[in-house]
N, C-alpha and C. Protein backbone atom coordinates (compact mmCIF):
# COMPACT_ATOMS: atom_id res chain seq x y z
N MET A 1 22.91 -10.40 5.10
CA MET A 1 22.76 -9.11 4.44
C MET A 1 21.28 -8.74 4.41
N SER A 2 20.95 -7.54 4.86
CA SER A 2 19.55 -7.11 4.87
C SER A 2 19.15 -6.60 3.49
N ALA A 3 17.86 -6.50 3.27
CA ALA A 3 17.35 -5.97 2.00
C ALA A 3 17.86 -4.56 1.77
N GLN A 4 17.97 -3.80 2.84
CA GLN A 4 18.45 -2.42 2.73
C GLN A 4 19.88 -2.39 2.21
N ASP A 5 20.71 -3.34 2.63
CA ASP A 5 22.11 -3.39 2.21
C ASP A 5 22.24 -3.69 0.72
N GLU A 6 21.24 -4.32 0.13
CA GLU A 6 21.29 -4.65 -1.29
C GLU A 6 21.14 -3.43 -2.17
N LEU A 7 20.64 -2.33 -1.64
CA LEU A 7 20.40 -1.13 -2.43
C LEU A 7 21.53 -0.14 -2.21
N ASP A 8 22.20 0.20 -3.29
CA ASP A 8 23.24 1.22 -3.16
C ASP A 8 22.59 2.60 -3.13
N PRO A 9 23.36 3.62 -2.83
CA PRO A 9 22.78 4.97 -2.71
C PRO A 9 22.05 5.45 -3.96
N TYR A 10 22.55 5.13 -5.15
CA TYR A 10 21.87 5.56 -6.37
C TYR A 10 20.51 4.88 -6.51
N SER A 11 20.47 3.59 -6.21
CA SER A 11 19.19 2.88 -6.31
C SER A 11 18.18 3.43 -5.31
N ARG A 12 18.64 3.74 -4.10
CA ARG A 12 17.72 4.31 -3.11
C ARG A 12 17.25 5.70 -3.53
N SER A 13 18.12 6.46 -4.13
CA SER A 13 17.71 7.77 -4.64
C SER A 13 16.68 7.61 -5.76
N LEU A 14 16.90 6.62 -6.60
CA LEU A 14 15.92 6.34 -7.67
C LEU A 14 14.57 5.95 -7.08
N LEU A 15 14.59 5.13 -6.05
CA LEU A 15 13.32 4.74 -5.42
C LEU A 15 12.60 5.96 -4.86
N ARG A 16 13.32 6.84 -4.21
CA ARG A 16 12.69 8.06 -3.67
C ARG A 16 12.04 8.87 -4.79
N GLU A 17 12.75 9.01 -5.89
CA GLU A 17 12.20 9.77 -7.02
C GLU A 17 10.98 9.08 -7.61
N LEU A 18 11.03 7.77 -7.76
CA LEU A 18 9.89 7.04 -8.32
C LEU A 18 8.68 7.09 -7.39
N MET A 19 8.92 7.03 -6.08
CA MET A 19 7.79 7.13 -5.14
C MET A 19 7.20 8.53 -5.16
N ARG A 20 8.05 9.53 -5.38
CA ARG A 20 7.56 10.91 -5.45
C ARG A 20 6.73 11.12 -6.71
N ASP A 21 7.21 10.61 -7.85
CA ASP A 21 6.51 10.78 -9.11
C ASP A 21 6.97 9.70 -10.09
N SER A 22 6.19 8.65 -10.21
CA SER A 22 6.59 7.53 -11.06
C SER A 22 6.36 7.79 -12.54
N SER A 23 5.80 8.95 -12.88
CA SER A 23 5.57 9.25 -14.29
C SER A 23 6.77 9.94 -14.93
N GLN A 24 7.84 10.14 -14.17
CA GLN A 24 9.03 10.79 -14.72
C GLN A 24 9.66 9.92 -15.82
N THR A 25 10.26 10.58 -16.78
CA THR A 25 10.98 9.85 -17.82
C THR A 25 12.30 9.34 -17.24
N VAL A 26 12.91 8.41 -17.93
CA VAL A 26 14.21 7.91 -17.48
C VAL A 26 15.21 9.05 -17.46
N GLN A 27 15.14 9.95 -18.43
CA GLN A 27 16.06 11.09 -18.46
C GLN A 27 15.86 11.97 -17.23
N GLU A 28 14.61 12.24 -16.85
CA GLU A 28 14.34 13.06 -15.66
C GLU A 28 14.85 12.36 -14.40
N LEU A 29 14.63 11.07 -14.32
CA LEU A 29 15.12 10.32 -13.16
C LEU A 29 16.64 10.33 -13.11
N ALA A 30 17.27 10.11 -14.25
CA ALA A 30 18.73 10.11 -14.31
C ALA A 30 19.29 11.46 -13.88
N ASP A 31 18.70 12.53 -14.36
CA ASP A 31 19.14 13.87 -13.97
C ASP A 31 18.98 14.09 -12.47
N ALA A 32 17.87 13.60 -11.92
CA ALA A 32 17.59 13.82 -10.50
C ALA A 32 18.56 13.10 -9.58
N VAL A 33 19.07 11.95 -10.02
CA VAL A 33 19.95 11.18 -9.14
C VAL A 33 21.42 11.23 -9.55
N GLY A 34 21.72 11.90 -10.66
CA GLY A 34 23.12 12.05 -11.05
C GLY A 34 23.69 10.87 -11.82
N LEU A 35 22.86 10.20 -12.60
CA LEU A 35 23.31 9.10 -13.46
C LEU A 35 23.01 9.43 -14.91
N SER A 36 23.59 8.68 -15.81
CA SER A 36 23.17 8.79 -17.20
C SER A 36 21.96 7.87 -17.40
N PRO A 37 21.19 8.09 -18.46
CA PRO A 37 19.93 7.33 -18.63
C PRO A 37 20.10 5.81 -18.69
N SER A 38 21.12 5.29 -19.35
CA SER A 38 21.26 3.85 -19.50
C SER A 38 21.46 3.13 -18.16
N PRO A 39 22.41 3.55 -17.33
CA PRO A 39 22.53 2.90 -16.02
C PRO A 39 21.30 3.10 -15.14
N CYS A 40 20.66 4.24 -15.28
CA CYS A 40 19.45 4.52 -14.52
C CYS A 40 18.37 3.49 -14.90
N TRP A 41 18.15 3.31 -16.18
CA TRP A 41 17.15 2.36 -16.67
C TRP A 41 17.48 0.94 -16.21
N LYS A 42 18.77 0.56 -16.28
CA LYS A 42 19.18 -0.78 -15.85
C LYS A 42 18.91 -1.00 -14.37
N ARG A 43 19.16 0.01 -13.55
CA ARG A 43 18.89 -0.12 -12.11
C ARG A 43 17.40 -0.29 -11.85
N ILE A 44 16.58 0.47 -12.54
CA ILE A 44 15.12 0.37 -12.38
C ILE A 44 14.66 -1.03 -12.77
N LYS A 45 15.11 -1.51 -13.92
CA LYS A 45 14.72 -2.84 -14.39
C LYS A 45 15.18 -3.92 -13.40
N ALA A 46 16.38 -3.79 -12.87
CA ALA A 46 16.88 -4.77 -11.91
C ALA A 46 16.03 -4.76 -10.64
N MET A 47 15.63 -3.58 -10.18
CA MET A 47 14.78 -3.51 -8.97
C MET A 47 13.39 -4.08 -9.25
N GLU A 48 12.89 -3.90 -10.46
CA GLU A 48 11.60 -4.51 -10.83
C GLU A 48 11.72 -6.03 -10.82
N GLU A 49 12.80 -6.56 -11.42
CA GLU A 49 12.99 -8.01 -11.50
C GLU A 49 13.17 -8.63 -10.13
N ARG A 50 13.82 -7.93 -9.20
CA ARG A 50 14.04 -8.45 -7.85
C ARG A 50 12.82 -8.25 -6.96
N GLY A 51 11.81 -7.56 -7.44
CA GLY A 51 10.60 -7.34 -6.65
C GLY A 51 10.68 -6.18 -5.68
N VAL A 52 11.75 -5.39 -5.76
CA VAL A 52 11.84 -4.19 -4.92
C VAL A 52 10.75 -3.21 -5.37
N ILE A 53 10.62 -3.04 -6.67
CA ILE A 53 9.54 -2.23 -7.25
C ILE A 53 8.45 -3.22 -7.67
N ARG A 54 7.29 -3.10 -7.02
CA ARG A 54 6.18 -4.03 -7.29
C ARG A 54 5.31 -3.60 -8.46
N GLY A 55 5.29 -2.32 -8.77
CA GLY A 55 4.45 -1.83 -9.84
C GLY A 55 4.30 -0.32 -9.74
N TYR A 56 3.48 0.23 -10.61
CA TYR A 56 3.27 1.67 -10.67
C TYR A 56 1.78 1.93 -10.68
N THR A 57 1.34 2.94 -9.93
CA THR A 57 -0.08 3.25 -9.88
C THR A 57 -0.32 4.75 -9.95
N ALA A 58 -1.57 5.10 -10.19
CA ALA A 58 -2.01 6.50 -10.14
C ALA A 58 -2.74 6.73 -8.84
N ARG A 59 -2.53 7.86 -8.21
CA ARG A 59 -3.28 8.19 -6.99
C ARG A 59 -4.57 8.87 -7.42
N VAL A 60 -5.68 8.28 -7.03
CA VAL A 60 -7.01 8.74 -7.45
C VAL A 60 -7.72 9.34 -6.24
N ASP A 61 -8.39 10.46 -6.45
CA ASP A 61 -9.17 11.09 -5.39
C ASP A 61 -10.46 10.28 -5.22
N PRO A 62 -10.64 9.62 -4.07
CA PRO A 62 -11.82 8.75 -3.88
C PRO A 62 -13.15 9.47 -4.06
N GLU A 63 -13.26 10.69 -3.54
CA GLU A 63 -14.53 11.41 -3.65
C GLU A 63 -14.89 11.73 -5.09
N ARG A 64 -13.90 11.99 -5.92
CA ARG A 64 -14.17 12.32 -7.33
C ARG A 64 -14.61 11.11 -8.15
N VAL A 65 -14.45 9.91 -7.58
CA VAL A 65 -14.93 8.71 -8.27
C VAL A 65 -16.07 8.05 -7.50
N GLY A 66 -16.71 8.83 -6.61
CA GLY A 66 -17.90 8.35 -5.93
C GLY A 66 -17.68 7.51 -4.69
N LEU A 67 -16.48 7.57 -4.12
CA LEU A 67 -16.20 6.81 -2.90
C LEU A 67 -16.00 7.79 -1.74
N GLY A 68 -17.10 8.33 -1.26
CA GLY A 68 -17.04 9.38 -0.25
C GLY A 68 -16.91 8.91 1.19
N LEU A 69 -16.98 7.60 1.42
CA LEU A 69 -16.92 7.12 2.80
C LEU A 69 -15.81 6.07 2.94
N ARG A 70 -14.94 6.34 3.89
CA ARG A 70 -13.86 5.40 4.24
C ARG A 70 -14.13 4.91 5.66
N VAL A 71 -14.08 3.59 5.83
CA VAL A 71 -14.36 3.00 7.13
C VAL A 71 -13.21 2.06 7.50
N ILE A 72 -12.75 2.20 8.73
CA ILE A 72 -11.76 1.26 9.26
C ILE A 72 -12.55 0.17 9.99
N VAL A 73 -12.35 -1.06 9.58
CA VAL A 73 -13.11 -2.19 10.13
C VAL A 73 -12.13 -3.15 10.79
N GLU A 74 -12.43 -3.51 12.03
CA GLU A 74 -11.66 -4.53 12.73
C GLU A 74 -12.52 -5.78 12.81
N ALA A 75 -11.90 -6.93 12.57
CA ALA A 75 -12.65 -8.18 12.59
C ALA A 75 -11.88 -9.26 13.33
N ASN A 76 -12.63 -10.14 13.97
CA ASN A 76 -12.05 -11.29 14.65
C ASN A 76 -12.65 -12.57 14.08
N LEU A 77 -11.84 -13.60 14.05
CA LEU A 77 -12.28 -14.92 13.61
C LEU A 77 -12.52 -15.82 14.81
N ALA A 78 -13.47 -16.72 14.67
CA ALA A 78 -13.79 -17.65 15.75
C ALA A 78 -12.65 -18.63 15.97
N ARG A 79 -12.07 -19.11 14.89
CA ARG A 79 -11.00 -20.10 14.97
C ARG A 79 -9.85 -19.67 14.07
N HIS A 80 -8.70 -20.17 14.39
CA HIS A 80 -7.52 -19.81 13.62
C HIS A 80 -6.85 -21.02 12.99
N HIS A 81 -7.68 -21.97 12.55
CA HIS A 81 -7.13 -23.12 11.83
C HIS A 81 -6.64 -22.64 10.47
N GLU A 82 -5.57 -23.21 10.01
CA GLU A 82 -4.93 -22.76 8.77
C GLU A 82 -5.90 -22.68 7.59
N ASP A 83 -6.73 -23.71 7.40
CA ASP A 83 -7.67 -23.72 6.28
C ASP A 83 -8.69 -22.60 6.39
N GLN A 84 -9.20 -22.37 7.61
CA GLN A 84 -10.19 -21.31 7.79
C GLN A 84 -9.58 -19.93 7.57
N VAL A 85 -8.39 -19.72 8.07
CA VAL A 85 -7.71 -18.44 7.88
C VAL A 85 -7.45 -18.20 6.40
N ARG A 86 -6.93 -19.20 5.72
CA ARG A 86 -6.65 -19.06 4.29
C ARG A 86 -7.93 -18.77 3.50
N SER A 87 -9.01 -19.47 3.82
CA SER A 87 -10.28 -19.24 3.15
C SER A 87 -10.78 -17.82 3.38
N PHE A 88 -10.72 -17.36 4.62
CA PHE A 88 -11.13 -16.00 4.94
C PHE A 88 -10.28 -14.99 4.18
N GLU A 89 -8.98 -15.16 4.19
CA GLU A 89 -8.10 -14.21 3.52
C GLU A 89 -8.30 -14.22 2.01
N ASP A 90 -8.56 -15.38 1.42
CA ASP A 90 -8.85 -15.44 -0.02
C ASP A 90 -10.13 -14.69 -0.36
N ARG A 91 -11.14 -14.84 0.49
CA ARG A 91 -12.42 -14.14 0.25
C ARG A 91 -12.25 -12.63 0.40
N ILE A 92 -11.51 -12.21 1.42
CA ILE A 92 -11.26 -10.79 1.64
C ILE A 92 -10.55 -10.18 0.43
N ALA A 93 -9.57 -10.90 -0.10
CA ALA A 93 -8.80 -10.40 -1.25
C ALA A 93 -9.68 -10.18 -2.47
N ALA A 94 -10.79 -10.89 -2.57
CA ALA A 94 -11.67 -10.79 -3.73
C ALA A 94 -12.76 -9.73 -3.59
N ILE A 95 -12.83 -9.05 -2.46
CA ILE A 95 -13.89 -8.05 -2.23
C ILE A 95 -13.35 -6.67 -2.58
N PRO A 96 -13.85 -6.04 -3.64
CA PRO A 96 -13.27 -4.78 -4.10
C PRO A 96 -13.41 -3.62 -3.11
N GLU A 97 -14.45 -3.61 -2.31
CA GLU A 97 -14.64 -2.51 -1.36
C GLU A 97 -13.55 -2.49 -0.27
N ILE A 98 -12.94 -3.63 -0.04
CA ILE A 98 -11.84 -3.69 0.94
C ILE A 98 -10.56 -3.36 0.19
N VAL A 99 -10.05 -2.15 0.42
CA VAL A 99 -8.87 -1.69 -0.31
C VAL A 99 -7.57 -1.99 0.41
N GLN A 100 -7.67 -2.34 1.69
CA GLN A 100 -6.49 -2.75 2.44
C GLN A 100 -6.95 -3.70 3.55
N CYS A 101 -6.16 -4.72 3.80
CA CYS A 101 -6.45 -5.64 4.90
C CYS A 101 -5.13 -6.06 5.52
N LEU A 102 -5.05 -5.90 6.82
CA LEU A 102 -3.84 -6.23 7.57
C LEU A 102 -4.17 -7.30 8.61
N SER A 103 -3.35 -8.32 8.67
CA SER A 103 -3.45 -9.31 9.74
C SER A 103 -2.66 -8.72 10.91
N THR A 104 -3.30 -8.63 12.09
CA THR A 104 -2.68 -7.90 13.19
C THR A 104 -2.63 -8.71 14.48
N THR A 105 -1.86 -8.19 15.40
CA THR A 105 -1.85 -8.73 16.76
C THR A 105 -2.74 -7.82 17.60
N GLY A 106 -3.00 -8.23 18.82
CA GLY A 106 -3.79 -7.39 19.72
C GLY A 106 -5.25 -7.78 19.72
N GLU A 107 -6.11 -6.80 19.88
CA GLU A 107 -7.55 -7.04 20.04
C GLU A 107 -8.23 -7.55 18.78
N SER A 108 -7.69 -7.22 17.62
CA SER A 108 -8.32 -7.61 16.35
C SER A 108 -7.41 -8.54 15.56
N ASP A 109 -8.03 -9.49 14.89
CA ASP A 109 -7.27 -10.37 14.01
C ASP A 109 -6.93 -9.67 12.70
N TYR A 110 -7.87 -8.82 12.23
CA TYR A 110 -7.69 -8.12 10.96
C TYR A 110 -8.17 -6.68 11.11
N VAL A 111 -7.46 -5.79 10.43
CA VAL A 111 -7.88 -4.39 10.32
C VAL A 111 -7.96 -4.09 8.83
N MET A 112 -9.14 -3.63 8.41
CA MET A 112 -9.39 -3.40 6.98
C MET A 112 -9.78 -1.95 6.74
N THR A 113 -9.47 -1.47 5.56
CA THR A 113 -9.97 -0.18 5.10
C THR A 113 -11.00 -0.48 4.01
N VAL A 114 -12.19 0.04 4.22
CA VAL A 114 -13.30 -0.18 3.28
C VAL A 114 -13.66 1.16 2.66
N MET A 115 -13.83 1.19 1.35
CA MET A 115 -14.22 2.41 0.62
C MET A 115 -15.56 2.16 -0.07
N VAL A 116 -16.55 3.00 0.25
CA VAL A 116 -17.88 2.91 -0.36
C VAL A 116 -18.40 4.33 -0.60
N ALA A 117 -19.54 4.43 -1.25
CA ALA A 117 -20.09 5.74 -1.59
C ALA A 117 -20.59 6.50 -0.37
N ASP A 118 -21.34 5.82 0.51
CA ASP A 118 -21.94 6.53 1.64
C ASP A 118 -22.31 5.53 2.73
N ILE A 119 -22.93 6.02 3.79
CA ILE A 119 -23.24 5.18 4.95
C ILE A 119 -24.25 4.08 4.60
N LYS A 120 -25.19 4.35 3.71
CA LYS A 120 -26.14 3.32 3.30
C LYS A 120 -25.43 2.18 2.56
N CYS A 121 -24.48 2.55 1.73
CA CYS A 121 -23.69 1.53 1.03
C CYS A 121 -22.87 0.71 2.01
N PHE A 122 -22.34 1.38 3.04
CA PHE A 122 -21.57 0.64 4.03
C PHE A 122 -22.46 -0.33 4.79
N GLU A 123 -23.65 0.10 5.14
CA GLU A 123 -24.57 -0.79 5.85
C GLU A 123 -24.88 -2.02 5.00
N ARG A 124 -25.13 -1.81 3.69
CA ARG A 124 -25.39 -2.94 2.78
C ARG A 124 -24.16 -3.85 2.70
N PHE A 125 -22.98 -3.24 2.61
CA PHE A 125 -21.74 -4.01 2.54
C PHE A 125 -21.54 -4.82 3.82
N LEU A 126 -21.74 -4.17 4.96
CA LEU A 126 -21.54 -4.83 6.25
C LEU A 126 -22.44 -6.05 6.40
N HIS A 127 -23.75 -5.84 6.17
CA HIS A 127 -24.70 -6.93 6.38
C HIS A 127 -24.76 -7.92 5.22
N GLY A 128 -24.53 -7.42 4.02
CA GLY A 128 -24.65 -8.29 2.85
C GLY A 128 -23.37 -9.01 2.46
N THR A 129 -22.25 -8.52 2.91
CA THR A 129 -20.97 -9.12 2.51
C THR A 129 -20.13 -9.54 3.71
N LEU A 130 -19.71 -8.55 4.49
CA LEU A 130 -18.72 -8.83 5.54
C LEU A 130 -19.24 -9.78 6.61
N LEU A 131 -20.41 -9.51 7.14
CA LEU A 131 -20.94 -10.34 8.22
C LEU A 131 -21.39 -11.73 7.75
N ARG A 132 -21.45 -11.91 6.44
CA ARG A 132 -21.81 -13.22 5.89
C ARG A 132 -20.59 -14.12 5.68
N LEU A 133 -19.41 -13.57 5.87
CA LEU A 133 -18.21 -14.39 5.70
C LEU A 133 -18.14 -15.40 6.85
N PRO A 134 -17.87 -16.65 6.53
CA PRO A 134 -17.80 -17.67 7.58
C PRO A 134 -16.63 -17.40 8.52
N GLY A 135 -16.89 -17.61 9.80
CA GLY A 135 -15.83 -17.52 10.78
C GLY A 135 -15.72 -16.20 11.51
N ILE A 136 -16.38 -15.14 11.01
CA ILE A 136 -16.29 -13.85 11.68
C ILE A 136 -17.15 -13.87 12.94
N THR A 137 -16.56 -13.48 14.07
CA THR A 137 -17.31 -13.46 15.32
C THR A 137 -17.59 -12.05 15.80
N HIS A 138 -16.74 -11.11 15.43
CA HIS A 138 -16.90 -9.75 15.95
C HIS A 138 -16.36 -8.76 14.94
N VAL A 139 -17.12 -7.67 14.75
CA VAL A 139 -16.70 -6.61 13.83
C VAL A 139 -16.89 -5.27 14.54
N ARG A 140 -15.88 -4.43 14.45
CA ARG A 140 -15.97 -3.05 14.93
C ARG A 140 -15.65 -2.14 13.75
N SER A 141 -16.35 -1.05 13.64
CA SER A 141 -16.07 -0.14 12.53
C SER A 141 -15.94 1.30 13.03
N ARG A 142 -15.11 2.03 12.32
CA ARG A 142 -14.88 3.44 12.62
C ARG A 142 -14.96 4.22 11.31
N ILE A 143 -15.82 5.22 11.30
CA ILE A 143 -15.95 6.08 10.13
C ILE A 143 -14.80 7.08 10.14
N VAL A 144 -14.13 7.22 9.02
CA VAL A 144 -13.05 8.19 8.90
C VAL A 144 -13.67 9.55 8.59
N LEU A 145 -13.40 10.52 9.43
CA LEU A 145 -13.94 11.87 9.22
C LEU A 145 -13.17 12.62 8.15
N ARG A 146 -11.84 12.56 8.22
CA ARG A 146 -11.02 13.17 7.19
C ARG A 146 -9.64 12.55 7.22
N GLU A 147 -9.00 12.60 6.11
CA GLU A 147 -7.66 12.04 5.97
C GLU A 147 -6.65 13.14 6.26
N LEU A 148 -5.78 12.89 7.21
CA LEU A 148 -4.77 13.88 7.56
C LEU A 148 -3.47 13.68 6.80
N LYS A 149 -3.19 12.44 6.48
CA LYS A 149 -1.95 12.15 5.75
C LYS A 149 -2.14 10.86 4.97
N ALA A 150 -1.80 10.92 3.72
CA ALA A 150 -1.80 9.72 2.88
C ALA A 150 -0.54 9.79 2.04
N GLN A 151 0.42 9.02 2.42
CA GLN A 151 1.70 9.09 1.75
C GLN A 151 1.99 7.77 1.07
N GLY A 152 2.25 7.82 -0.20
CA GLY A 152 2.60 6.61 -0.93
C GLY A 152 4.09 6.34 -0.89
N GLN A 153 4.82 7.18 -0.19
CA GLN A 153 6.27 7.03 -0.14
C GLN A 153 6.70 6.34 1.14
N LEU A 154 7.65 5.44 1.01
CA LEU A 154 8.23 4.79 2.19
C LEU A 154 9.36 5.66 2.71
N PRO A 155 9.55 5.71 4.01
CA PRO A 155 10.63 6.54 4.58
C PRO A 155 11.97 5.81 4.50
N LEU A 156 12.53 5.72 3.30
CA LEU A 156 13.80 5.03 3.12
C LEU A 156 14.90 5.73 3.91
N PRO A 157 15.67 5.00 4.67
CA PRO A 157 16.75 5.63 5.41
C PRO A 157 17.84 6.12 4.45
N ALA A 158 18.42 7.23 4.78
CA ALA A 158 19.51 7.78 3.96
C ALA A 158 20.78 7.01 4.25
N SER A 159 21.60 6.92 3.26
CA SER A 159 22.89 6.27 3.41
C SER A 159 23.97 7.33 3.50
N ALA A 160 24.96 7.08 4.32
CA ALA A 160 26.07 8.03 4.43
C ALA A 160 26.79 8.18 3.12
N ALA A 161 26.75 7.14 2.29
CA ALA A 161 27.44 7.18 1.01
C ALA A 161 26.57 7.73 -0.11
N GLU A 162 25.35 8.14 0.20
CA GLU A 162 24.43 8.62 -0.83
C GLU A 162 24.97 9.89 -1.47
N PRO A 163 24.88 10.00 -2.77
CA PRO A 163 25.39 11.20 -3.44
C PRO A 163 24.66 12.45 -2.96
N SER A 164 25.38 13.52 -2.75
CA SER A 164 24.78 14.76 -2.23
C SER A 164 23.76 15.31 -3.21
N ARG A 165 23.94 15.09 -4.49
CA ARG A 165 22.98 15.56 -5.51
C ARG A 165 21.60 14.96 -5.29
N ALA A 166 21.54 13.69 -4.89
CA ALA A 166 20.25 13.01 -4.68
C ALA A 166 19.56 13.45 -3.41
N ARG A 167 20.29 14.06 -2.47
CA ARG A 167 19.69 14.48 -1.22
C ARG A 167 18.95 15.81 -1.36
N ARG A 168 19.16 16.49 -2.48
CA ARG A 168 18.46 17.76 -2.67
C ARG A 168 16.98 17.54 -2.82
N GLY A 169 16.18 18.56 -2.38
CA GLY A 169 14.74 18.59 -2.59
C GLY A 169 14.06 17.56 -1.90
């Protein structure tokens, strides 16, 4: 059974609503998906306990908090021994300027998103932090000119059994 099969149509509708706006009340969520508040709340709690819902966050405008530069950084490691990889990944996780890090296939071992105030801050970060990490052999960076799409919602597939009320909007 796949993870998708574990979610019935009401739970998937609830997830869509929560991804759209997680500040909704249980009553608003229940109305949106066609449930009463008590079963709605129970479904949300069950998805939280199973780890389907990892948490709730606020979307913050980076420029309004002084983070005007976003850089995509690709990095390669010299060796891929388990201890070295784990050490590198632990260090990356502790660096606040790195807001996302993906272990990838292809030309780069890791692709990171770095958020800093400006190009001078990025240069300090690059030379003072990133290039000092043990094991890094190559770094490529790309300055993001503008963000075309930033979606916090996952494209959950629709179910044929999904209630028609939840498919609205």
